[in-house]
């Protein structure tokens, strides 16, 4: 098994591409070891000293590290854990817990529902595929119809990335404002 690695715009996150589907659909973000209990692979990765975040994409995963640790020391044990997981035949998730994370499913009414549908469509077709190339994901959280502000959840390599604010404001906000005139701004949820 050959696992490719790629740098991401976030120096604290590396992207690992195992050459097979992980999630198939959706994504899953593990922000700490407690959340990782849902996945044997995530548990194994959090067991490596210095790993502080794990994100599963459709056909890749990203691993975040603490600033005190160096990739030169972490990369080999992470690659070994990923390879061991896939060669063992273990499932990605323990039991029934294979819920893929997606956009918030709050129900909006009338014209607001149409605006939210347009926002989600732009995210899914234009923004999320580009962000996935960098090992991250951006999900819709909510839309404030009074102010026109869209709240988005940045995950994977995007979460905590030094350039995420620029991506959010210069890229995502400009695109949403251009195609959906009701959008006045974009903010990040945490």
N, C-alpha and C. Protein backbone atom coordinates (compact mmCIF):
# COMPACT_ATOMS: atom_id res chain seq x y z
N UNK A 1 0.85 -1.18 0.00
CA UNK A 1 0.00 0.00 0.00
C UNK A 1 0.90 1.24 0.00
N UNK A 2 0.58 2.18 -0.89
CA UNK A 2 1.34 3.42 -0.99
C UNK A 2 0.44 4.56 -0.53
N UNK A 3 0.90 5.33 0.44
CA UNK A 3 0.13 6.46 0.96
C UNK A 3 0.88 7.74 0.60
N UNK A 4 0.24 8.58 -0.18
CA UNK A 4 0.84 9.86 -0.55
C UNK A 4 0.64 10.86 0.58
N UNK A 5 1.58 11.77 0.72
CA UNK A 5 1.41 12.87 1.66
C UNK A 5 1.54 14.18 0.90
N UNK A 6 0.78 15.16 1.34
CA UNK A 6 0.84 16.49 0.73
C UNK A 6 0.83 17.53 1.82
N UNK A 7 1.59 18.57 1.62
CA UNK A 7 1.54 19.72 2.53
C UNK A 7 0.21 20.43 2.31
N UNK A 8 -0.24 21.13 3.31
CA UNK A 8 -1.45 21.95 3.20
C UNK A 8 -1.04 23.40 3.49
N UNK A 9 -1.91 24.36 3.22
CA UNK A 9 -1.57 25.74 3.57
C UNK A 9 -1.37 25.94 5.07
N UNK A 10 -1.90 25.03 5.88
CA UNK A 10 -1.72 25.09 7.32
C UNK A 10 -0.47 24.29 7.68
N UNK A 11 0.59 24.93 8.17
CA UNK A 11 1.83 24.22 8.46
C UNK A 11 1.71 23.17 9.57
N UNK A 12 0.64 23.22 10.33
CA UNK A 12 0.43 22.26 11.42
C UNK A 12 -0.39 21.05 10.98
N UNK A 13 -0.73 20.96 9.69
CA UNK A 13 -1.57 19.89 9.18
C UNK A 13 -0.97 19.28 7.92
N UNK A 14 -0.93 17.95 7.85
CA UNK A 14 -0.52 17.23 6.65
C UNK A 14 -1.70 16.44 6.11
N UNK A 15 -1.75 16.31 4.80
CA UNK A 15 -2.80 15.55 4.12
C UNK A 15 -2.21 14.19 3.72
N UNK A 16 -2.95 13.12 4.04
CA UNK A 16 -2.53 11.76 3.72
C UNK A 16 -3.56 11.16 2.76
N UNK A 17 -3.09 10.62 1.65
CA UNK A 17 -3.97 10.07 0.62
C UNK A 17 -3.66 8.58 0.48
N UNK A 18 -4.54 7.70 1.04
CA UNK A 18 -4.25 6.27 1.03
C UNK A 18 -4.55 5.55 -0.27
N UNK A 19 -5.10 6.25 -1.26
CA UNK A 19 -5.39 5.61 -2.54
C UNK A 19 -6.66 4.78 -2.53
N UNK A 20 -7.54 5.06 -1.60
CA UNK A 20 -8.84 4.39 -1.51
C UNK A 20 -9.84 5.31 -0.82
N UNK A 21 -11.11 5.01 -1.00
CA UNK A 21 -12.13 5.82 -0.34
C UNK A 21 -12.04 5.66 1.17
N UNK A 22 -12.23 6.76 1.86
CA UNK A 22 -12.35 6.73 3.31
C UNK A 22 -13.82 6.82 3.67
N UNK A 23 -14.40 8.00 3.41
CA UNK A 23 -15.78 8.26 3.78
C UNK A 23 -16.75 7.98 2.63
N UNK A 24 -16.27 8.05 1.40
CA UNK A 24 -17.19 7.92 0.28
C UNK A 24 -17.99 9.19 0.12
N UNK A 25 -18.80 9.51 1.13
CA UNK A 25 -19.60 10.73 1.15
C UNK A 25 -19.39 11.45 2.46
N UNK A 26 -19.42 12.76 2.43
CA UNK A 26 -19.32 13.53 3.67
C UNK A 26 -17.91 13.60 4.22
N UNK A 27 -17.80 14.19 5.40
CA UNK A 27 -16.52 14.33 6.09
C UNK A 27 -16.75 14.10 7.58
N UNK A 28 -15.67 13.93 8.30
CA UNK A 28 -15.78 13.76 9.76
C UNK A 28 -14.57 14.42 10.41
N UNK A 29 -14.81 15.29 11.37
CA UNK A 29 -13.77 16.06 12.04
C UNK A 29 -13.67 15.61 13.49
N UNK A 30 -12.48 15.19 13.91
CA UNK A 30 -12.24 14.78 15.28
C UNK A 30 -11.32 15.83 15.91
N UNK A 31 -11.88 16.63 16.80
CA UNK A 31 -11.13 17.75 17.38
C UNK A 31 -10.35 17.36 18.63
N UNK A 32 -10.62 16.18 19.18
CA UNK A 32 -9.87 15.72 20.34
C UNK A 32 -10.00 14.20 20.47
N UNK A 33 -9.25 13.62 21.40
CA UNK A 33 -9.21 12.17 21.57
C UNK A 33 -10.57 11.61 21.99
N UNK A 34 -11.36 12.38 22.73
CA UNK A 34 -12.69 11.88 23.13
C UNK A 34 -13.60 11.69 21.92
N UNK A 35 -13.58 12.65 21.01
CA UNK A 35 -14.40 12.54 19.79
C UNK A 35 -13.92 11.38 18.92
N UNK A 36 -12.64 11.05 19.01
CA UNK A 36 -12.05 10.00 18.18
C UNK A 36 -12.55 8.60 18.54
N UNK A 37 -13.18 8.43 19.67
CA UNK A 37 -13.63 7.11 20.10
C UNK A 37 -14.56 6.45 19.09
N UNK A 38 -15.13 7.23 18.20
CA UNK A 38 -16.03 6.69 17.18
C UNK A 38 -15.29 5.93 16.09
N UNK A 39 -13.96 6.11 15.99
CA UNK A 39 -13.20 5.51 14.90
C UNK A 39 -11.91 4.88 15.41
N UNK A 40 -11.72 3.58 15.15
CA UNK A 40 -10.45 2.94 15.55
C UNK A 40 -9.22 3.62 14.95
N UNK A 41 -9.31 4.09 13.70
CA UNK A 41 -8.18 4.77 13.08
C UNK A 41 -7.90 6.09 13.78
N UNK A 42 -8.93 6.86 14.07
CA UNK A 42 -8.74 8.14 14.76
C UNK A 42 -8.16 7.92 16.15
N UNK A 43 -8.61 6.89 16.86
CA UNK A 43 -8.07 6.57 18.18
C UNK A 43 -6.57 6.28 18.07
N UNK A 44 -6.21 5.48 17.08
CA UNK A 44 -4.80 5.13 16.86
C UNK A 44 -3.96 6.37 16.58
N UNK A 45 -4.47 7.27 15.76
CA UNK A 45 -3.73 8.48 15.42
C UNK A 45 -3.58 9.41 16.63
N UNK A 46 -4.63 9.54 17.43
CA UNK A 46 -4.54 10.38 18.63
C UNK A 46 -3.61 9.76 19.67
N UNK A 47 -3.34 8.47 19.55
CA UNK A 47 -2.40 7.82 20.46
C UNK A 47 -0.95 8.19 20.18
N UNK A 48 -0.70 8.85 19.08
CA UNK A 48 0.65 9.29 18.72
C UNK A 48 0.89 10.65 19.38
N UNK A 49 1.93 10.74 20.20
CA UNK A 49 2.24 11.98 20.91
C UNK A 49 2.47 13.12 19.92
N UNK A 50 1.71 14.19 20.07
CA UNK A 50 1.83 15.35 19.20
C UNK A 50 0.66 15.53 18.26
N UNK A 51 -0.14 14.47 18.04
CA UNK A 51 -1.33 14.59 17.18
C UNK A 51 -2.44 15.24 17.98
N UNK A 52 -3.03 16.31 17.43
CA UNK A 52 -4.11 16.98 18.15
C UNK A 52 -5.39 17.16 17.34
N UNK A 53 -5.41 16.65 16.11
CA UNK A 53 -6.62 16.78 15.28
C UNK A 53 -6.57 15.76 14.16
N UNK A 54 -7.74 15.18 13.84
CA UNK A 54 -7.84 14.23 12.73
C UNK A 54 -9.10 14.57 11.96
N UNK A 55 -9.00 14.55 10.64
CA UNK A 55 -10.13 14.87 9.77
C UNK A 55 -10.19 13.84 8.66
N UNK A 56 -11.36 13.25 8.44
CA UNK A 56 -11.55 12.30 7.34
C UNK A 56 -12.31 12.99 6.22
N UNK A 57 -11.74 12.99 5.02
CA UNK A 57 -12.42 13.45 3.82
C UNK A 57 -12.88 12.24 3.03
N UNK A 58 -13.35 12.47 1.83
CA UNK A 58 -13.87 11.37 1.02
C UNK A 58 -12.80 10.36 0.67
N UNK A 59 -11.63 10.82 0.24
CA UNK A 59 -10.56 9.89 -0.14
C UNK A 59 -9.21 10.29 0.44
N UNK A 60 -9.24 11.03 1.51
CA UNK A 60 -8.02 11.48 2.18
C UNK A 60 -8.30 11.70 3.66
N UNK A 61 -7.24 11.86 4.43
CA UNK A 61 -7.39 12.30 5.81
C UNK A 61 -6.31 13.33 6.08
N UNK A 62 -6.59 14.23 7.01
CA UNK A 62 -5.58 15.17 7.43
C UNK A 62 -5.33 14.95 8.91
N UNK A 63 -4.10 15.19 9.30
CA UNK A 63 -3.70 15.05 10.69
C UNK A 63 -3.06 16.36 11.12
N UNK A 64 -3.53 16.89 12.23
CA UNK A 64 -2.96 18.11 12.78
C UNK A 64 -2.05 17.79 13.95
N UNK A 65 -1.03 18.60 14.14
CA UNK A 65 -0.07 18.38 15.21
C UNK A 65 0.03 19.62 16.08
N UNK A 66 0.59 19.44 17.26
CA UNK A 66 0.86 20.59 18.12
C UNK A 66 2.11 21.30 17.61
N UNK A 67 2.23 22.57 17.91
CA UNK A 67 3.37 23.36 17.44
C UNK A 67 4.70 22.86 18.01
N UNK A 68 4.65 22.19 19.16
CA UNK A 68 5.88 21.72 19.81
C UNK A 68 6.48 20.48 19.14
N UNK A 69 5.75 19.86 18.25
CA UNK A 69 6.22 18.64 17.59
C UNK A 69 6.58 18.93 16.13
N UNK A 70 7.46 18.10 15.59
CA UNK A 70 7.96 18.30 14.24
C UNK A 70 7.46 17.18 13.33
N UNK A 71 7.13 17.52 12.09
CA UNK A 71 6.65 16.51 11.14
C UNK A 71 7.70 15.43 10.88
N UNK A 72 8.96 15.78 10.98
CA UNK A 72 10.02 14.80 10.73
C UNK A 72 9.91 13.61 11.69
N UNK A 73 9.39 13.84 12.89
CA UNK A 73 9.24 12.77 13.88
C UNK A 73 7.85 12.14 13.88
N UNK A 74 6.87 12.85 13.36
CA UNK A 74 5.48 12.37 13.40
C UNK A 74 5.06 11.62 12.14
N UNK A 75 5.62 11.96 11.01
CA UNK A 75 5.14 11.43 9.74
C UNK A 75 5.21 9.90 9.67
N UNK A 76 6.32 9.30 10.07
CA UNK A 76 6.47 7.84 9.99
C UNK A 76 5.46 7.09 10.87
N UNK A 77 5.28 7.47 12.15
CA UNK A 77 4.28 6.74 12.94
C UNK A 77 2.85 6.95 12.44
N UNK A 78 2.57 8.11 11.87
CA UNK A 78 1.23 8.34 11.31
C UNK A 78 1.01 7.45 10.10
N UNK A 79 2.00 7.41 9.21
CA UNK A 79 1.90 6.53 8.03
C UNK A 79 1.73 5.07 8.45
N UNK A 80 2.48 4.64 9.48
CA UNK A 80 2.38 3.26 9.95
C UNK A 80 0.99 2.97 10.51
N UNK A 81 0.42 3.91 11.26
CA UNK A 81 -0.92 3.72 11.83
C UNK A 81 -1.97 3.62 10.73
N UNK A 82 -1.86 4.46 9.71
CA UNK A 82 -2.82 4.42 8.59
C UNK A 82 -2.69 3.09 7.84
N UNK A 83 -1.47 2.70 7.55
CA UNK A 83 -1.24 1.44 6.83
C UNK A 83 -1.73 0.25 7.65
N UNK A 84 -1.40 0.22 8.93
CA UNK A 84 -1.85 -0.88 9.80
C UNK A 84 -3.38 -0.97 9.83
N UNK A 85 -4.02 0.19 9.89
CA UNK A 85 -5.49 0.19 9.93
C UNK A 85 -6.07 -0.45 8.67
N UNK A 86 -5.60 -0.01 7.51
CA UNK A 86 -6.18 -0.51 6.27
C UNK A 86 -5.82 -1.97 5.99
N UNK A 87 -4.64 -2.40 6.39
CA UNK A 87 -4.28 -3.80 6.15
C UNK A 87 -4.95 -4.74 7.16
N UNK A 88 -5.39 -4.20 8.31
CA UNK A 88 -6.06 -5.04 9.32
C UNK A 88 -7.50 -5.38 8.93
N UNK A 89 -8.08 -4.58 8.04
CA UNK A 89 -9.47 -4.81 7.64
C UNK A 89 -10.48 -4.25 8.63
N UNK A 90 -10.03 -3.50 9.63
CA UNK A 90 -10.95 -2.90 10.60
C UNK A 90 -11.86 -1.88 9.90
N UNK A 91 -13.06 -1.71 10.41
CA UNK A 91 -13.92 -0.66 9.85
C UNK A 91 -13.40 0.72 10.24
N UNK A 92 -13.78 1.72 9.47
CA UNK A 92 -13.37 3.08 9.78
C UNK A 92 -14.04 3.58 11.05
N UNK A 93 -15.28 3.13 11.27
CA UNK A 93 -16.03 3.54 12.45
C UNK A 93 -16.43 2.34 13.27
N UNK A 94 -16.47 2.52 14.59
CA UNK A 94 -16.89 1.46 15.50
C UNK A 94 -18.41 1.44 15.57
N UNK A 95 -18.98 0.25 15.47
CA UNK A 95 -20.43 0.11 15.62
C UNK A 95 -21.22 0.88 14.59
N UNK A 96 -22.24 1.53 15.05
CA UNK A 96 -23.17 2.25 14.17
C UNK A 96 -22.74 3.69 13.91
N UNK A 97 -21.65 4.11 14.51
CA UNK A 97 -21.27 5.52 14.44
C UNK A 97 -20.46 5.83 13.19
N UNK A 98 -21.15 5.97 12.07
CA UNK A 98 -20.46 6.32 10.82
C UNK A 98 -21.09 7.56 10.21
N UNK A 99 -21.62 8.42 11.07
CA UNK A 99 -22.32 9.60 10.58
C UNK A 99 -21.36 10.56 9.91
N UNK A 100 -21.62 10.84 8.67
CA UNK A 100 -20.83 11.83 7.94
C UNK A 100 -21.31 13.21 8.31
N UNK A 101 -20.38 14.08 8.59
CA UNK A 101 -20.76 15.45 8.90
C UNK A 101 -21.15 16.19 7.63
N UNK A 102 -22.16 17.01 7.72
CA UNK A 102 -22.59 17.77 6.57
C UNK A 102 -23.08 19.13 7.00
N UNK A 103 -23.72 19.83 6.09
CA UNK A 103 -24.27 21.14 6.40
C UNK A 103 -25.30 21.03 7.51
N UNK A 104 -25.44 22.11 8.27
CA UNK A 104 -26.50 22.18 9.27
C UNK A 104 -27.84 22.03 8.55
N UNK A 105 -28.73 21.27 9.13
CA UNK A 105 -30.00 20.98 8.46
C UNK A 105 -31.18 21.77 9.03
N UNK A 106 -30.91 22.92 9.63
CA UNK A 106 -31.99 23.77 10.12
C UNK A 106 -32.95 24.08 8.96
N UNK A 107 -34.23 24.06 9.23
CA UNK A 107 -35.22 24.29 8.18
C UNK A 107 -35.55 25.79 8.11
N UNK A 108 -35.36 26.35 6.94
CA UNK A 108 -35.70 27.75 6.70
C UNK A 108 -36.99 27.80 5.89
N UNK A 109 -37.70 28.90 5.98
CA UNK A 109 -39.00 29.05 5.31
C UNK A 109 -38.93 30.06 4.18
N UNK A 110 -39.80 29.88 3.19
CA UNK A 110 -40.01 30.85 2.13
C UNK A 110 -38.77 31.26 1.36
N UNK A 111 -38.62 32.58 1.17
CA UNK A 111 -37.51 33.13 0.40
C UNK A 111 -36.17 32.80 1.05
N UNK A 112 -36.13 32.77 2.38
CA UNK A 112 -34.88 32.43 3.08
C UNK A 112 -34.45 31.02 2.75
N UNK A 113 -35.39 30.11 2.61
CA UNK A 113 -35.06 28.72 2.25
C UNK A 113 -34.40 28.67 0.88
N UNK A 114 -34.87 29.49 -0.05
CA UNK A 114 -34.28 29.53 -1.39
C UNK A 114 -32.86 30.11 -1.34
N UNK A 115 -32.66 31.15 -0.54
CA UNK A 115 -31.34 31.75 -0.39
C UNK A 115 -30.36 30.74 0.20
N UNK A 116 -30.78 30.03 1.24
CA UNK A 116 -29.93 29.02 1.88
C UNK A 116 -29.61 27.89 0.91
N UNK A 117 -30.58 27.49 0.09
CA UNK A 117 -30.34 26.44 -0.90
C UNK A 117 -29.29 26.90 -1.92
N UNK A 118 -29.34 28.16 -2.34
CA UNK A 118 -28.34 28.70 -3.27
C UNK A 118 -26.96 28.73 -2.62
N UNK A 119 -26.89 29.13 -1.36
CA UNK A 119 -25.62 29.17 -0.63
C UNK A 119 -25.02 27.77 -0.54
N UNK A 120 -25.83 26.79 -0.14
CA UNK A 120 -25.34 25.42 -0.01
C UNK A 120 -24.91 24.85 -1.37
N UNK A 121 -25.63 25.20 -2.42
CA UNK A 121 -25.26 24.72 -3.75
C UNK A 121 -23.90 25.28 -4.17
N UNK A 122 -23.68 26.58 -3.94
CA UNK A 122 -22.38 27.18 -4.26
C UNK A 122 -21.26 26.55 -3.43
N UNK A 123 -21.53 26.32 -2.16
CA UNK A 123 -20.53 25.67 -1.32
C UNK A 123 -20.19 24.29 -1.87
N UNK A 124 -21.21 23.51 -2.20
CA UNK A 124 -21.00 22.12 -2.64
C UNK A 124 -20.34 22.02 -4.01
N UNK A 125 -20.69 22.92 -4.92
CA UNK A 125 -20.21 22.78 -6.30
C UNK A 125 -18.93 23.55 -6.60
N UNK A 126 -18.70 24.66 -5.91
CA UNK A 126 -17.55 25.50 -6.26
C UNK A 126 -16.52 25.63 -5.15
N UNK A 127 -16.96 25.69 -3.92
CA UNK A 127 -16.04 26.01 -2.83
C UNK A 127 -15.47 24.76 -2.17
N UNK A 128 -16.32 23.83 -1.77
CA UNK A 128 -15.84 22.65 -1.06
C UNK A 128 -14.85 21.80 -1.88
N UNK A 129 -15.08 21.61 -3.19
CA UNK A 129 -14.08 20.84 -3.95
C UNK A 129 -12.70 21.51 -3.95
N UNK A 130 -12.67 22.83 -4.04
CA UNK A 130 -11.39 23.54 -4.04
C UNK A 130 -10.72 23.44 -2.68
N UNK A 131 -11.48 23.58 -1.62
CA UNK A 131 -10.93 23.51 -0.27
C UNK A 131 -10.46 22.09 0.05
N UNK A 132 -11.15 21.08 -0.48
CA UNK A 132 -10.74 19.68 -0.26
C UNK A 132 -9.35 19.42 -0.83
N UNK A 133 -8.99 20.12 -1.89
CA UNK A 133 -7.65 19.97 -2.46
C UNK A 133 -6.56 20.31 -1.44
N UNK A 134 -6.90 21.21 -0.52
CA UNK A 134 -5.96 21.61 0.53
C UNK A 134 -6.17 20.83 1.82
N UNK A 135 -7.02 19.80 1.79
CA UNK A 135 -7.21 18.96 2.96
C UNK A 135 -8.23 19.46 3.95
N UNK A 136 -9.14 20.31 3.52
CA UNK A 136 -10.13 20.86 4.44
C UNK A 136 -11.54 20.77 3.92
N UNK A 137 -12.42 21.41 4.63
CA UNK A 137 -13.83 21.43 4.25
C UNK A 137 -14.46 22.69 4.85
N UNK A 138 -15.49 23.19 4.21
CA UNK A 138 -16.27 24.32 4.71
C UNK A 138 -17.73 23.92 4.65
N UNK A 139 -18.40 23.98 5.79
CA UNK A 139 -19.81 23.60 5.87
C UNK A 139 -20.67 24.78 6.29
N UNK A 140 -21.87 24.80 5.76
CA UNK A 140 -22.85 25.82 6.12
C UNK A 140 -23.29 25.58 7.55
N UNK A 141 -23.30 26.64 8.35
CA UNK A 141 -23.78 26.55 9.73
C UNK A 141 -25.15 27.22 9.87
N UNK A 142 -25.23 28.50 9.44
CA UNK A 142 -26.51 29.20 9.52
C UNK A 142 -26.47 30.47 8.69
N UNK A 143 -27.66 31.00 8.41
CA UNK A 143 -27.80 32.25 7.68
C UNK A 143 -28.69 33.16 8.51
N UNK A 144 -28.21 34.37 8.79
CA UNK A 144 -28.99 35.35 9.54
C UNK A 144 -29.71 36.23 8.52
N UNK A 145 -30.99 36.00 8.34
CA UNK A 145 -31.74 36.73 7.32
C UNK A 145 -31.87 38.22 7.63
N UNK A 146 -31.73 38.61 8.89
CA UNK A 146 -31.83 40.03 9.27
C UNK A 146 -30.59 40.80 8.83
N UNK A 147 -29.41 40.20 9.01
CA UNK A 147 -28.15 40.90 8.70
C UNK A 147 -27.55 40.48 7.36
N UNK A 148 -27.95 39.31 6.83
CA UNK A 148 -27.38 38.80 5.60
C UNK A 148 -26.06 38.08 5.79
N UNK A 149 -25.71 37.79 7.05
CA UNK A 149 -24.43 37.13 7.34
C UNK A 149 -24.60 35.61 7.28
N UNK A 150 -23.66 34.96 6.59
CA UNK A 150 -23.60 33.51 6.50
C UNK A 150 -22.53 33.03 7.48
N UNK A 151 -22.87 32.07 8.30
CA UNK A 151 -21.92 31.49 9.26
C UNK A 151 -21.48 30.14 8.72
N UNK A 152 -20.16 29.94 8.63
CA UNK A 152 -19.59 28.72 8.07
C UNK A 152 -18.66 28.05 9.08
N UNK A 153 -18.58 26.74 8.99
CA UNK A 153 -17.72 25.94 9.86
C UNK A 153 -16.55 25.43 9.03
N UNK A 154 -15.35 25.84 9.37
CA UNK A 154 -14.15 25.40 8.64
C UNK A 154 -13.58 24.19 9.38
N UNK A 155 -13.29 23.13 8.60
CA UNK A 155 -12.84 21.88 9.20
C UNK A 155 -11.58 21.37 8.52
N UNK A 156 -10.99 20.37 9.14
CA UNK A 156 -9.79 19.77 8.59
C UNK A 156 -8.64 20.75 8.58
N UNK A 157 -7.88 20.79 7.51
CA UNK A 157 -6.71 21.67 7.42
C UNK A 157 -7.10 23.14 7.49
N UNK A 158 -8.35 23.46 7.16
CA UNK A 158 -8.80 24.86 7.18
C UNK A 158 -8.96 25.40 8.60
N UNK A 159 -9.28 24.52 9.53
CA UNK A 159 -9.49 24.94 10.90
C UNK A 159 -8.16 25.33 11.52
N UNK A 160 -8.03 26.57 11.91
CA UNK A 160 -6.80 27.04 12.52
C UNK A 160 -5.70 27.41 11.55
N UNK A 161 -5.99 27.34 10.27
CA UNK A 161 -4.98 27.67 9.25
C UNK A 161 -4.75 29.18 9.23
N UNK A 162 -3.49 29.60 9.16
CA UNK A 162 -3.21 31.04 9.11
C UNK A 162 -3.88 31.75 7.93
N UNK A 163 -4.07 31.05 6.82
CA UNK A 163 -4.67 31.70 5.65
C UNK A 163 -6.19 31.51 5.57
N UNK A 164 -6.79 30.89 6.60
CA UNK A 164 -8.23 30.62 6.53
C UNK A 164 -9.06 31.89 6.53
N UNK A 165 -8.63 32.92 7.24
CA UNK A 165 -9.37 34.18 7.25
C UNK A 165 -9.37 34.79 5.86
N UNK A 166 -8.23 34.75 5.19
CA UNK A 166 -8.16 35.29 3.83
C UNK A 166 -9.02 34.47 2.88
N UNK A 167 -8.99 33.14 3.03
CA UNK A 167 -9.84 32.27 2.20
C UNK A 167 -11.29 32.61 2.42
N UNK A 168 -11.67 32.74 3.69
CA UNK A 168 -13.06 33.00 4.03
C UNK A 168 -13.53 34.35 3.50
N UNK A 169 -12.73 35.38 3.73
CA UNK A 169 -13.15 36.74 3.34
C UNK A 169 -12.94 37.02 1.86
N UNK A 170 -11.76 36.79 1.36
CA UNK A 170 -11.45 37.15 -0.02
C UNK A 170 -12.07 36.19 -1.01
N UNK A 171 -12.09 34.91 -0.68
CA UNK A 171 -12.60 33.93 -1.62
C UNK A 171 -14.08 33.63 -1.45
N UNK A 172 -14.42 33.04 -0.33
CA UNK A 172 -15.77 32.55 -0.10
C UNK A 172 -16.77 33.71 -0.02
N UNK A 173 -16.46 34.72 0.78
CA UNK A 173 -17.38 35.84 0.94
C UNK A 173 -17.64 36.54 -0.39
N UNK A 174 -16.59 36.81 -1.15
CA UNK A 174 -16.77 37.48 -2.44
C UNK A 174 -17.62 36.66 -3.39
N UNK A 175 -17.41 35.35 -3.44
CA UNK A 175 -18.19 34.51 -4.33
C UNK A 175 -19.66 34.48 -3.91
N UNK A 176 -19.90 34.29 -2.61
CA UNK A 176 -21.29 34.23 -2.15
C UNK A 176 -22.00 35.57 -2.38
N UNK A 177 -21.33 36.67 -2.10
CA UNK A 177 -21.95 37.99 -2.31
C UNK A 177 -22.23 38.24 -3.80
N UNK A 178 -21.37 37.73 -4.66
CA UNK A 178 -21.55 37.92 -6.10
C UNK A 178 -22.78 37.15 -6.60
N UNK A 179 -22.91 35.88 -6.21
CA UNK A 179 -23.98 35.04 -6.73
C UNK A 179 -25.28 35.12 -5.92
N UNK A 180 -25.18 35.51 -4.66
CA UNK A 180 -26.37 35.60 -3.80
C UNK A 180 -26.37 37.00 -3.18
N UNK A 181 -27.03 37.95 -3.83
CA UNK A 181 -26.97 39.36 -3.40
C UNK A 181 -27.46 39.60 -1.96
N UNK A 182 -28.26 38.68 -1.43
CA UNK A 182 -28.76 38.84 -0.06
C UNK A 182 -27.65 38.63 0.98
N UNK A 183 -26.54 38.03 0.58
CA UNK A 183 -25.42 37.80 1.50
C UNK A 183 -24.62 39.10 1.63
N UNK A 184 -24.44 39.54 2.88
CA UNK A 184 -23.67 40.76 3.14
C UNK A 184 -22.30 40.47 3.74
N UNK A 185 -22.12 39.26 4.26
CA UNK A 185 -20.83 38.93 4.87
C UNK A 185 -20.77 37.46 5.23
N UNK A 186 -19.57 37.01 5.59
CA UNK A 186 -19.34 35.63 5.99
C UNK A 186 -18.54 35.62 7.27
N UNK A 187 -18.94 34.82 8.22
CA UNK A 187 -18.21 34.68 9.49
C UNK A 187 -17.98 33.20 9.74
N UNK A 188 -16.99 32.93 10.58
CA UNK A 188 -16.63 31.56 10.92
C UNK A 188 -17.22 31.16 12.27
N UNK A 189 -17.79 29.95 12.34
CA UNK A 189 -18.21 29.41 13.62
C UNK A 189 -17.10 28.51 14.13
N UNK A 190 -17.07 28.31 15.42
CA UNK A 190 -16.03 27.47 16.01
C UNK A 190 -16.63 26.33 16.79
